[in-house]
Amino acid sequence: MKELSPFELKDQLIKLADEAFKGEVLNAGRGNPNFLATLPRKIFNLIGKFAIEESEVSYSYLQSHIGGFPKQDGIYTRFLIFLRKENPSPEIDGILTYLSYIEDQLGLNAEEVLMEFVNAYLGSHYPTPPRMLSNTEIIVKKYLLREMCQNKLDGPFDVFATEGGTAAMFYIFNSLHTNKLIKPKDKIAIVTPIFTPYLEIPKLCEYDLDIVELQLDPKSDWQLPACELEKLKDPSIKLLCLVNPSNPPSTKLSTETLLNLKKIVDEDRPDLMIITDDVYGTFGDNFISCFGTIPKNTLLVYSFSKYFGATGWRLGTISVAQDNIFDELLKKANNDCVNNRYTIITPSPKDLKFIDRIVADSRAVGLNHTAGISTPQQLQMALFALNSLVDLNSNYKNSCKHLIRNRCKLLYSSLGLNLADDENIVNYYTLINVADIAEELFDKEFAQWFRDNNKINDFLFALAKETGVVLMPGKGFGDTHPTLRVSLANLKEYQYEAIGKKTKQILKEFYSQYKNIK
């Protein structure tokens, strides 16, 4: 079992807990949130109703439920007439607010955007352009600029819409490998603890990369110490991967840490490539991404899944500054073998940008013209983005943060611990250091026995079998401490109080075991 990925280990724990408790399992091992944004989904349905009515006009004489392509001319006026016939509702107010914002703040033509939305809902055209629908990309860029960069970013950037953050990860590694920006036995640095695929993918035989771990320090509020950052001065390290805010410590990198990283890049490693996965950034206070701090060197992965409760929608993005190190490295290498791969889609393959190579590689180049996520997915993505952009008082954001932070307080209070007050803590997950709790509740000798005898997996299995609580081992995420990852997103408040009490109960049993041995 110790060789299993933590997600596979979780499945074994669920099976064990379910056998003992028959459906009364408290599974805090998964990060899928139990909250979601309803208004942008209602607006999606409203647009859908209008889109279908518009479509049916084309062939209404057939009376066979056949539709055609809606016409743009006058569509905005027809939409307003359509809305007047509907009963007053939050979604009507919402879409009118969205369209007002689109015209006033983004300077887009509302009729053109509405036409894009209608066609997107119907899904009757290939995504054009394949990387992302034009107006949708502008909307999503505005959202990313605000939420990931606090509206502070030097220069323009491009976005590719992907099938969730997981597809974004695969596409990036695949294109880095295909374009020989990373090669077998190259060194890459990974900030740990981290979402496990970042540790697992580089080890696959097709990549075969050497991993240099940069360990976050729990004694410094899970920040990256200067001594770890110093490792990046090694010129043989080609790539840095990080999740920010971290998974599972769920702490954002401080401004000081980001500036220290920027200094190393500026002064020592201008050639360093960086991937930052910032899916939890919207749960932080005044979050700024590495992409906002070091845009030239950074690829930003962002997913709408957690913040909007949309894991099933598969909505992710890859963002790349138009002035970036990836394109520079490609031009410097000027590898004819690599460039010729793209001759079927452009007469000037050596000038093809890295992000457009990612798009092409996502469909084995030959199917580049059909790349991109489905247009209904892109519509829902745009509506999620607009939901945040028009929420000037951050009501949705504050509600989400309040939910998860309250759950965290209940968990720790039921463990008999005080929760540290830190502006960088996000609380989507938390890592419980069992040995530290053992020391605080019992004594140092028991805590050391727990560490020395590597009891964390035994503890996990006992917790599942005896109480029905399923958590995940921090070790599987690259943590070197005896920790348990708790998702604070997927259960009710009272259940986190129960998890804390049951965890404490099993720890008492382990203390009794320790006393008997002693």
Protein backbone atom coordinates (compact mmCIF):
# COMPACT_ATOMS: atom_id res chain seq x y z
CA MET A 1 0.00 0.00 0.00
CA LYS A 2 2.84 2.44 0.73
CA GLU A 3 3.76 2.47 -2.98
CA LEU A 4 0.28 3.59 -4.04
CA SER A 5 -0.53 7.14 -5.09
CA PRO A 6 -2.45 8.81 -2.23
CA PHE A 7 -5.56 8.86 -4.41
CA GLU A 8 -5.42 5.10 -4.92
CA LEU A 9 -4.68 4.63 -1.21
CA LYS A 10 -7.76 6.77 -0.47
CA ASP A 11 -9.90 4.31 -2.45
CA GLN A 12 -8.65 1.46 -0.27
CA LEU A 13 -9.42 3.45 2.87
CA ILE A 14 -12.94 4.22 1.62
CA LYS A 15 -13.53 0.53 0.97
CA LEU A 16 -12.35 -0.33 4.48
CA ALA A 17 -14.43 2.42 6.10
CA ASP A 18 -17.52 1.53 4.08
CA GLU A 19 -17.32 -2.13 5.13
CA ALA A 20 -17.31 -1.08 8.76
CA PHE A 21 -19.76 1.83 8.66
CA LYS A 22 -22.08 1.08 5.71
CA GLY A 23 -22.44 4.50 4.13
CA GLU A 24 -21.65 6.56 7.25
CA VAL A 25 -18.17 7.39 5.95
CA LEU A 26 -16.68 10.83 6.50
CA ASN A 27 -14.52 11.19 3.40
CA ALA A 28 -12.42 14.35 3.66
CA GLY A 29 -9.83 12.92 1.31
CA ARG A 30 -11.12 14.52 -1.86
CA GLY A 31 -10.97 18.18 -2.89
CA ASN A 32 -14.25 18.25 -4.82
CA PRO A 33 -16.23 21.16 -3.24
CA ASN A 34 -19.80 20.73 -2.02
CA PHE A 35 -20.67 24.32 -2.96
CA LEU A 36 -21.14 25.87 -6.39
CA ALA A 37 -22.07 29.08 -8.20
CA THR A 38 -25.73 28.96 -9.20
CA LEU A 39 -26.35 32.31 -10.95
CA PRO A 40 -23.98 31.76 -13.92
CA ARG A 41 -25.56 28.32 -14.40
CA LYS A 42 -29.05 29.87 -14.43
CA ILE A 43 -27.85 32.41 -17.00
CA PHE A 44 -26.42 29.56 -19.09
CA ASN A 45 -29.88 27.97 -19.18
CA LEU A 46 -31.53 31.31 -20.02
CA ILE A 47 -29.18 31.85 -22.96
CA GLY A 48 -29.87 28.27 -24.01
CA LYS A 49 -33.61 28.81 -24.11
CA PHE A 50 -33.17 31.89 -26.28
CA ALA A 51 -30.60 30.18 -28.52
CA ILE A 52 -32.94 27.27 -29.26
CA GLU A 53 -35.82 29.64 -30.07
CA GLU A 54 -33.54 31.57 -32.43
CA SER A 55 -32.42 28.34 -34.06
CA GLU A 56 -35.95 27.06 -34.66
CA VAL A 57 -36.92 30.18 -36.61
CA SER A 58 -34.85 28.96 -39.59
CA TYR A 59 -36.93 25.83 -40.24
CA SER A 60 -40.15 26.56 -38.36
CA TYR A 61 -42.24 25.66 -41.41
CA LEU A 62 -41.09 22.02 -41.14
CA GLN A 63 -42.58 21.59 -37.63
CA SER A 64 -40.15 18.72 -37.04
CA HIS A 65 -38.01 20.13 -34.22
CA ILE A 66 -35.29 21.03 -36.70
CA GLY A 67 -33.28 24.17 -36.10
CA GLY A 68 -30.78 26.14 -38.12
CA PHE A 69 -28.13 28.76 -37.56
CA PRO A 70 -29.35 31.95 -35.85
CA LYS A 71 -28.78 35.29 -37.63
CA GLN A 72 -26.74 38.01 -35.95
CA ASP A 73 -28.50 41.00 -37.44
CA GLY A 74 -30.86 42.33 -34.76
CA ILE A 75 -30.17 39.50 -32.31
CA TYR A 76 -29.58 41.86 -29.39
CA THR A 77 -32.96 43.55 -29.89
CA ARG A 78 -34.67 40.18 -30.20
CA PHE A 79 -32.97 39.06 -26.99
CA LEU A 80 -34.33 42.08 -25.09
CA ILE A 81 -37.83 41.30 -26.39
CA PHE A 82 -37.34 37.68 -25.31
CA LEU A 83 -36.36 38.79 -21.80
CA ARG A 84 -39.45 41.01 -21.46
CA LYS A 85 -41.65 37.98 -22.04
CA GLU A 86 -39.90 36.05 -19.24
CA ASN A 87 -40.87 36.33 -15.58
CA PRO A 88 -38.55 38.64 -13.60
CA SER A 89 -35.64 36.64 -12.18
CA PRO A 90 -32.06 36.98 -10.91
CA GLU A 91 -30.77 35.47 -14.15
CA ILE A 92 -32.43 38.17 -16.25
CA ASP A 93 -30.88 40.87 -14.07
CA GLY A 94 -27.63 38.94 -14.24
CA ILE A 95 -27.35 38.66 -18.02
CA LEU A 96 -28.25 42.33 -18.46
CA THR A 97 -25.49 43.20 -15.97
CA TYR A 98 -23.04 40.96 -17.82
CA LEU A 99 -23.86 42.55 -21.19
CA SER A 100 -23.60 46.05 -19.72
CA TYR A 101 -20.16 45.18 -18.29
CA ILE A 102 -19.08 43.69 -21.63
CA GLU A 103 -19.86 46.96 -23.44
CA ASP A 104 -18.85 49.47 -20.77
CA GLN A 105 -15.78 47.85 -19.21
CA LEU A 106 -14.43 45.64 -21.99
CA GLY A 107 -15.40 47.79 -24.96
CA LEU A 108 -16.86 44.82 -26.84
CA ASN A 109 -19.88 44.83 -29.11
CA ALA A 110 -22.72 43.29 -27.07
CA GLU A 111 -24.48 42.00 -30.18
CA GLU A 112 -21.33 40.19 -31.38
CA VAL A 113 -20.73 38.73 -27.93
CA LEU A 114 -24.35 37.60 -27.63
CA MET A 115 -24.08 35.94 -31.04
CA GLU A 116 -20.93 34.14 -29.87
CA PHE A 117 -22.76 32.99 -26.73
CA VAL A 118 -25.78 31.74 -28.69
CA ASN A 119 -23.65 29.77 -31.15
CA ALA A 120 -21.52 28.49 -28.27
CA TYR A 121 -24.57 27.14 -26.44
CA LEU A 122 -25.89 25.39 -29.55
CA GLY A 123 -22.51 23.78 -30.15
CA SER A 124 -23.20 23.63 -33.87
CA HIS A 125 -19.79 24.98 -34.98
CA TYR A 126 -16.24 23.87 -34.35
CA PRO A 127 -14.46 26.14 -31.85
CA THR A 128 -13.10 29.00 -34.00
CA PRO A 129 -10.34 29.92 -33.48
CA PRO A 130 -9.38 26.54 -32.04
CA ARG A 131 -7.39 27.93 -29.12
CA MET A 132 -10.39 29.83 -27.73
CA LEU A 133 -13.43 31.79 -28.91
CA SER A 134 -12.33 35.38 -29.49
CA ASN A 135 -14.65 37.31 -27.14
CA THR A 136 -14.58 34.54 -24.56
CA GLU A 137 -10.79 34.78 -24.43
CA ILE A 138 -11.00 38.53 -23.77
CA ILE A 139 -13.49 37.97 -20.93
CA VAL A 140 -11.47 35.17 -19.36
CA LYS A 141 -8.24 37.18 -19.66
CA LYS A 142 -9.88 40.05 -17.76
CA TYR A 143 -10.91 37.59 -15.04
CA LEU A 144 -7.44 36.04 -14.78
CA LEU A 145 -5.81 39.45 -14.78
CA ARG A 146 -7.92 40.49 -11.79
CA GLU A 147 -8.04 37.27 -9.78
CA MET A 148 -4.49 36.02 -10.42
CA CYS A 149 -2.58 39.29 -10.80
CA GLN A 150 -4.59 41.98 -8.97
CA ASN A 151 -4.73 43.78 -12.34
CA LYS A 152 -0.93 44.12 -12.29
CA LEU A 153 0.74 42.50 -15.29
CA ASP A 154 3.27 43.91 -17.72
CA GLY A 155 2.26 43.23 -21.30
CA PRO A 156 -0.41 41.18 -23.08
CA PHE A 157 -0.91 37.43 -22.76
CA ASP A 158 -2.68 34.57 -24.55
CA VAL A 159 -5.04 31.94 -23.15
CA PHE A 160 -5.80 28.37 -24.24
CA ALA A 161 -8.99 26.80 -22.82
CA THR A 162 -8.43 23.18 -21.79
CA GLU A 163 -10.39 20.23 -20.37
CA GLY A 164 -9.67 21.19 -16.78
CA GLY A 165 -6.35 21.77 -15.05
CA THR A 166 -5.38 18.13 -15.50
CA ALA A 167 -5.48 18.44 -19.31
CA ALA A 168 -3.48 21.66 -19.00
CA MET A 169 -0.78 19.79 -17.08
CA PHE A 170 -0.59 17.00 -19.65
CA TYR A 171 -0.55 19.37 -22.62
CA ILE A 172 2.25 21.47 -21.14
CA PHE A 173 4.52 18.54 -20.26
CA ASN A 174 3.78 16.93 -23.61
CA SER A 175 4.71 20.05 -25.60
CA LEU A 176 7.77 20.81 -23.49
CA HIS A 177 8.95 17.28 -24.25
CA THR A 178 7.92 17.32 -27.93
CA ASN A 179 9.67 20.64 -28.52
CA LYS A 180 12.76 19.42 -26.63
CA LEU A 181 12.58 22.18 -24.05
CA ILE A 182 12.90 19.35 -21.54
CA LYS A 183 14.74 16.14 -22.33
CA PRO A 184 15.25 12.82 -20.47
CA LYS A 185 17.57 13.16 -17.46
CA ASP A 186 17.08 16.94 -17.33
CA LYS A 187 16.64 18.36 -13.86
CA ILE A 188 13.39 20.01 -12.85
CA ALA A 189 12.64 21.62 -9.49
CA ILE A 190 9.33 20.94 -7.76
CA VAL A 191 8.07 22.83 -4.71
CA THR A 192 6.79 20.23 -2.24
CA PRO A 193 4.38 19.24 -0.77
CA ILE A 194 2.47 19.37 -4.06
CA PHE A 195 -0.45 17.87 -5.98
CA THR A 196 0.87 14.37 -6.66
CA PRO A 197 0.81 14.28 -10.51
CA TYR A 198 3.56 16.90 -10.51
CA LEU A 199 5.71 14.30 -8.76
CA GLU A 200 4.45 11.33 -10.77
CA ILE A 201 4.34 12.60 -14.38
CA PRO A 202 8.05 13.57 -14.62
CA LYS A 203 9.00 10.01 -13.62
CA LEU A 204 7.16 8.42 -16.57
CA CYS A 205 9.48 6.75 -19.05
CA GLU A 206 8.69 9.19 -21.85
CA TYR A 207 9.92 12.10 -19.70
CA ASP A 208 12.39 10.44 -17.28
CA LEU A 209 13.26 13.69 -15.53
CA ASP A 210 15.38 14.12 -12.41
CA ILE A 211 13.45 15.85 -9.65
CA VAL A 212 15.01 18.38 -7.28
CA GLU A 213 12.59 19.04 -4.43
CA LEU A 214 12.28 22.49 -2.87
CA GLN A 215 10.67 21.90 0.51
CA LEU A 216 8.19 24.35 1.98
CA ASP A 217 8.91 24.94 5.67
CA PRO A 218 5.99 24.30 8.08
CA LYS A 219 7.85 26.21 10.80
CA SER A 220 7.81 29.30 8.56
CA ASP A 221 4.12 29.10 7.71
CA TRP A 222 4.81 26.84 4.73
CA GLN A 223 6.92 29.40 2.90
CA LEU A 224 9.92 28.59 0.70
CA PRO A 225 13.15 29.27 2.64
CA ALA A 226 16.02 31.14 0.99
CA CYS A 227 18.21 28.03 1.21
CA GLU A 228 15.70 26.11 -0.94
CA LEU A 229 15.38 28.93 -3.46
CA GLU A 230 19.17 28.97 -3.78
CA LYS A 231 18.96 25.56 -5.46
CA LEU A 232 17.46 27.26 -8.50
CA LYS A 233 20.78 28.95 -9.22
CA ASP A 234 21.93 25.59 -10.60
CA PRO A 235 21.87 26.19 -14.40
CA SER A 236 21.14 22.51 -15.05
CA ILE A 237 17.63 22.94 -13.59
CA LYS A 238 15.46 23.66 -16.61
CA LEU A 239 11.99 23.95 -15.09
CA LEU A 240 10.31 24.90 -11.81
CA CYS A 241 6.85 23.53 -10.95
CA LEU A 242 4.73 24.86 -8.11
CA VAL A 243 1.13 24.90 -6.93
CA ASN A 244 0.23 28.24 -5.38
CA PRO A 245 -1.58 28.32 -2.99
CA SER A 246 -0.03 25.00 -2.14
CA ASN A 247 -1.80 21.65 -2.14
CA PRO A 248 -2.05 20.36 0.53
CA PRO A 249 -0.62 22.98 2.96
CA SER A 250 -3.03 25.48 1.34
CA THR A 251 -0.81 28.50 1.88
CA LYS A 252 -0.05 31.12 -0.73
CA LEU A 253 3.51 32.24 -1.34
CA SER A 254 4.16 35.49 0.47
CA THR A 255 5.12 38.66 -1.36
CA GLU A 256 8.60 38.30 0.09
CA THR A 257 8.97 34.75 -1.24
CA LEU A 258 7.78 35.77 -4.72
CA LEU A 259 10.17 38.72 -4.80
CA ASN A 260 13.06 36.46 -3.71
CA LEU A 261 12.19 34.07 -6.55
CA LYS A 262 11.99 36.99 -8.99
CA LYS A 263 15.42 38.20 -7.89
CA ILE A 264 16.96 34.79 -8.61
CA VAL A 265 15.33 34.70 -12.04
CA ASP A 266 16.38 38.27 -12.88
CA GLU A 267 19.94 37.98 -11.62
CA ASP A 268 20.88 34.32 -12.04
CA ARG A 269 18.31 32.34 -14.05
CA PRO A 270 16.67 34.40 -16.83
CA ASP A 271 16.38 31.11 -18.77
CA LEU A 272 14.36 29.30 -16.06
CA MET A 273 10.94 28.02 -17.18
CA ILE A 274 8.20 28.07 -14.53
CA ILE A 275 4.80 26.34 -14.33
CA THR A 276 2.50 27.68 -11.64
CA ASP A 277 -0.82 25.97 -10.92
CA ASP A 278 -3.02 28.49 -9.13
CA VAL A 279 -6.44 26.84 -8.93
CA TYR A 280 -6.85 27.82 -5.24
CA GLY A 281 -5.76 31.44 -5.69
CA THR A 282 -9.32 32.77 -5.62
CA PHE A 283 -9.72 31.52 -2.03
CA GLY A 284 -6.80 33.64 -0.84
CA ASP A 285 -6.74 37.27 0.28
CA ASN A 286 -5.20 39.66 -2.28
CA PHE A 287 -3.64 36.76 -4.14
CA ILE A 288 -0.88 37.47 -6.67
CA SER A 289 0.40 34.70 -8.91
CA CYS A 290 3.96 34.02 -9.91
CA PHE A 291 2.57 34.78 -13.40
CA GLY A 292 1.87 38.33 -12.25
CA THR A 293 5.34 38.65 -10.70
CA ILE A 294 7.53 36.89 -13.30
CA PRO A 295 5.31 36.78 -16.42
CA LYS A 296 8.07 36.28 -18.96
CA ASN A 297 9.20 32.98 -17.43
CA THR A 298 5.86 31.60 -16.25
CA LEU A 299 3.09 29.43 -17.65
CA LEU A 300 -0.08 29.86 -15.60
CA VAL A 301 -2.41 26.90 -15.14
CA TYR A 302 -5.82 27.85 -13.77
CA SER A 303 -9.00 25.81 -13.39
CA PHE A 304 -12.54 27.04 -12.69
CA SER A 305 -13.33 23.71 -11.00
CA LYS A 306 -12.89 24.45 -7.30
CA TYR A 307 -14.01 28.07 -7.01
CA PHE A 308 -17.22 27.61 -8.98
CA GLY A 309 -17.90 23.99 -7.97
CA ALA A 310 -17.42 22.90 -11.58
CA THR A 311 -15.15 19.86 -11.55
CA GLY A 312 -17.54 18.05 -13.90
CA TRP A 313 -17.49 20.88 -16.44
CA ARG A 314 -13.73 20.38 -17.06
CA LEU A 315 -12.82 24.06 -17.45
CA GLY A 316 -9.14 24.91 -17.34
CA THR A 317 -6.79 27.44 -18.90
CA ILE A 318 -3.15 27.85 -19.86
CA SER A 319 -1.91 31.45 -19.95
CA VAL A 320 1.36 32.61 -21.52
CA ALA A 321 2.72 36.15 -21.81
CA GLN A 322 3.28 37.20 -25.41
CA ASP A 323 6.85 38.09 -24.46
CA ASN A 324 8.02 34.81 -22.95
CA ILE A 325 11.09 32.65 -22.39
CA PHE A 326 9.51 29.60 -24.02
CA ASP A 327 9.37 31.26 -27.43
CA GLU A 328 12.88 32.62 -26.94
CA LEU A 329 14.28 29.18 -26.16
CA LEU A 330 12.55 27.72 -29.23
CA LYS A 331 14.04 30.37 -31.50
CA LYS A 332 17.46 29.95 -29.96
CA ALA A 333 17.36 26.17 -30.51
CA ASN A 334 15.94 26.59 -34.05
CA ASN A 335 15.54 22.81 -34.31
CA ASP A 336 14.46 21.94 -37.87
CA CYS A 337 13.24 18.49 -36.83
CA VAL A 338 10.97 20.04 -34.18
CA ASN A 339 9.82 22.92 -36.37
CA ASN A 340 9.00 20.68 -39.33
CA ARG A 341 6.42 18.93 -37.16
CA TYR A 342 4.18 21.96 -37.66
CA THR A 343 4.61 22.54 -41.43
CA ILE A 344 1.14 21.14 -42.12
CA ILE A 345 -0.50 23.99 -40.19
CA THR A 346 1.76 26.95 -41.04
CA PRO A 347 4.24 27.87 -43.79
CA SER A 348 6.48 29.43 -41.10
CA PRO A 349 6.71 26.75 -38.40
CA LYS A 350 9.78 28.26 -36.74
CA ASP A 351 7.67 31.33 -35.90
CA LEU A 352 4.83 29.32 -34.34
CA LYS A 353 4.39 30.44 -30.71
CA PHE A 354 4.74 27.90 -27.93
CA ILE A 355 1.13 28.28 -26.81
CA ASP A 356 -0.03 27.53 -30.37
CA ARG A 357 2.26 24.51 -30.41
CA ILE A 358 0.52 23.34 -27.23
CA VAL A 359 -2.82 23.71 -29.02
CA ALA A 360 -1.58 21.76 -32.06
CA ASP A 361 0.07 19.04 -29.96
CA SER A 362 -3.16 18.59 -28.01
CA ARG A 363 -4.66 17.21 -31.22
CA ALA A 364 -1.56 15.48 -32.65
CA VAL A 365 -1.03 18.50 -34.98
CA GLY A 366 -3.03 16.96 -37.82
CA LEU A 367 -6.29 17.67 -36.01
CA ASN A 368 -5.30 21.19 -34.98
CA HIS A 369 -8.37 22.64 -36.71
CA THR A 370 -10.61 20.76 -34.23
CA ALA A 371 -8.63 21.66 -31.10
CA GLY A 372 -10.11 23.44 -28.10
CA ILE A 373 -12.81 22.55 -25.62
CA SER A 374 -16.44 22.44 -26.67
CA THR A 375 -18.19 25.75 -27.22
CA PRO A 376 -20.85 25.11 -24.51
CA GLN A 377 -17.96 24.62 -22.06
CA GLN A 378 -16.43 27.90 -23.20
CA LEU A 379 -19.76 29.68 -22.72
CA GLN A 380 -20.04 28.44 -19.14
CA MET A 381 -16.43 29.47 -18.53
CA ALA A 382 -17.16 33.00 -19.79
CA LEU A 383 -20.26 33.22 -17.56
CA PHE A 384 -18.28 32.08 -14.51
CA ALA A 385 -15.67 34.76 -15.27
CA LEU A 386 -18.32 37.45 -15.71
CA ASN A 387 -19.97 36.39 -12.45
CA SER A 388 -16.80 37.41 -10.63
CA LEU A 389 -16.05 40.48 -12.71
CA VAL A 390 -19.42 42.13 -11.96
CA ASP A 391 -19.38 41.13 -8.27
CA LEU A 392 -17.84 44.41 -7.10
CA ASN A 393 -18.39 43.61 -3.40
CA SER A 394 -16.95 40.08 -3.75
CA ASN A 395 -20.09 38.58 -2.18
CA TYR A 396 -19.60 35.14 -3.75
CA LYS A 397 -15.90 35.08 -2.92
CA ASN A 398 -16.41 36.11 0.68
CA SER A 399 -19.12 33.47 1.14
CA CYS A 400 -16.82 30.73 -0.19
CA LYS A 401 -13.94 31.84 2.02
CA HIS A 402 -16.25 32.03 5.04
CA LEU A 403 -17.45 28.46 4.43
CA ILE A 404 -14.05 26.80 4.30
CA ARG A 405 -12.45 28.89 7.02
CA ASN A 406 -15.24 28.16 9.48
CA ARG A 407 -14.84 24.46 8.80
CA CYS A 408 -11.13 24.74 9.51
CA LYS A 409 -11.75 26.49 12.84
CA LEU A 410 -14.17 23.75 13.93
CA LEU A 411 -11.72 21.01 12.98
CA TYR A 412 -8.87 22.48 14.99
CA SER A 413 -10.98 23.45 17.99
CA SER A 414 -12.29 19.86 18.21
CA LEU A 415 -8.65 18.69 18.17
CA GLY A 416 -8.01 21.02 21.10
CA LEU A 417 -5.68 23.24 19.08
CA ASN A 418 -5.54 26.93 18.29
CA LEU A 419 -5.54 27.86 14.62
CA ALA A 420 -2.67 30.11 13.59
CA ASP A 421 -3.64 33.51 12.23
CA ASP A 422 -1.74 34.03 8.99
CA GLU A 423 -2.74 36.18 6.01
CA ASN A 424 -1.21 33.64 3.64
CA ILE A 425 -3.30 30.66 4.82
CA VAL A 426 -6.09 29.81 2.39
CA ASN A 427 -7.70 26.82 4.19
CA TYR A 428 -9.02 24.89 1.21
CA TYR A 429 -7.03 21.99 2.68
CA THR A 430 -5.09 21.62 5.86
CA LEU A 431 -2.24 19.35 6.92
CA ILE A 432 -2.57 17.85 10.38
CA ASN A 433 0.82 16.93 11.80
CA VAL A 434 -0.09 13.96 14.00
CA ALA A 435 3.28 13.92 15.78
CA ASP A 436 2.97 17.58 16.71
CA ILE A 437 -0.53 16.97 18.09
CA ALA A 438 0.80 13.94 19.99
CA GLU A 439 3.42 16.14 21.62
CA GLU A 440 0.95 18.87 22.50
CA LEU A 441 -1.71 16.52 23.91
CA PHE A 442 0.61 13.93 25.48
CA ASP A 443 4.42 14.18 25.56
CA LYS A 444 7.56 14.49 23.43
CA GLU A 445 8.55 10.85 23.85
CA PHE A 446 5.26 9.60 22.41
CA ALA A 447 5.56 12.04 19.49
CA GLN A 448 9.09 10.80 18.77
CA TRP A 449 7.95 7.17 18.94
CA PHE A 450 5.22 7.98 16.41
CA ARG A 451 7.79 9.55 14.07
CA ASP A 452 10.48 6.91 14.51
CA ASN A 453 8.10 4.03 13.88
CA ASN A 454 6.47 5.67 10.85
CA LYS A 455 2.98 5.14 12.26
CA ILE A 456 1.12 7.49 9.93
CA ASN A 457 -0.26 4.80 7.56
CA ASP A 458 -1.27 2.61 10.52
CA PHE A 459 -3.03 5.67 11.90
CA LEU A 460 -4.88 6.25 8.60
CA PHE A 461 -6.12 2.67 8.44
CA ALA A 462 -7.17 2.66 12.10
CA LEU A 463 -9.01 5.94 11.58
CA ALA A 464 -10.90 4.52 8.59
CA LYS A 465 -11.69 1.13 10.12
CA GLU A 466 -12.63 2.28 13.62
CA THR A 467 -14.32 5.64 12.97
CA GLY A 468 -15.20 5.76 9.25
CA VAL A 469 -13.02 8.85 8.69
CA VAL A 470 -11.03 8.89 5.43
CA LEU A 471 -8.07 11.25 5.11
CA MET A 472 -4.97 11.19 2.89
CA PRO A 473 -1.27 10.90 3.80
CA GLY A 474 0.82 14.02 3.41
CA LYS A 475 3.75 11.81 2.41
CA GLY A 476 2.09 11.04 -0.91
CA PHE A 477 2.23 14.75 -1.73
CA GLY A 478 5.94 14.95 -0.95
CA ASP A 479 5.65 16.02 2.68
CA THR A 480 8.42 14.60 4.87
CA HIS A 481 6.41 14.94 8.09
CA PRO A 482 3.79 12.53 9.56
CA THR A 483 0.82 14.50 8.29
CA LEU A 484 -2.76 13.92 7.18
CA ARG A 485 -4.37 15.97 4.42
CA VAL A 486 -7.91 17.11 5.19
CA SER A 487 -10.04 18.67 2.47
CA LEU A 488 -12.11 21.48 3.97
CA ALA A 489 -14.29 21.78 0.89
CA ASN A 490 -16.49 18.71 0.69
CA LEU A 491 -18.26 18.08 4.02
CA LYS A 492 -20.62 19.90 6.40
CA GLU A 493 -19.33 21.99 9.30
CA TYR A 494 -20.47 19.56 12.01
CA GLN A 495 -18.68 16.73 10.22
CA TYR A 496 -15.32 18.49 10.55
CA GLU A 497 -15.93 18.75 14.27
CA ALA A 498 -16.55 14.98 14.25
CA ILE A 499 -13.33 14.38 12.28
CA GLY A 500 -11.33 16.29 14.86
CA LYS A 501 -12.85 14.32 17.75
CA LYS A 502 -12.37 10.95 16.04
CA THR A 503 -8.77 11.78 15.12
CA LYS A 504 -8.14 12.62 18.75
CA GLN A 505 -9.82 9.35 19.79
CA ILE A 506 -7.51 7.22 17.61
CA LEU A 507 -4.47 9.14 18.82
CA LYS A 508 -5.43 8.24 22.40
CA GLU A 509 -5.54 4.58 21.34
CA PHE A 510 -2.06 4.87 19.84
CA TYR A 511 -0.85 6.47 23.07
CA SER A 512 -2.22 3.50 25.02
CA GLN A 513 -0.42 1.16 22.62
CA TYR A 514 2.79 3.15 23.10
CA LYS A 515 2.46 2.99 26.92
CA ASN A 516 1.94 -0.79 26.81
CA ILE A 517 5.06 -1.27 24.68
CA LYS A 518 7.05 1.01 26.91
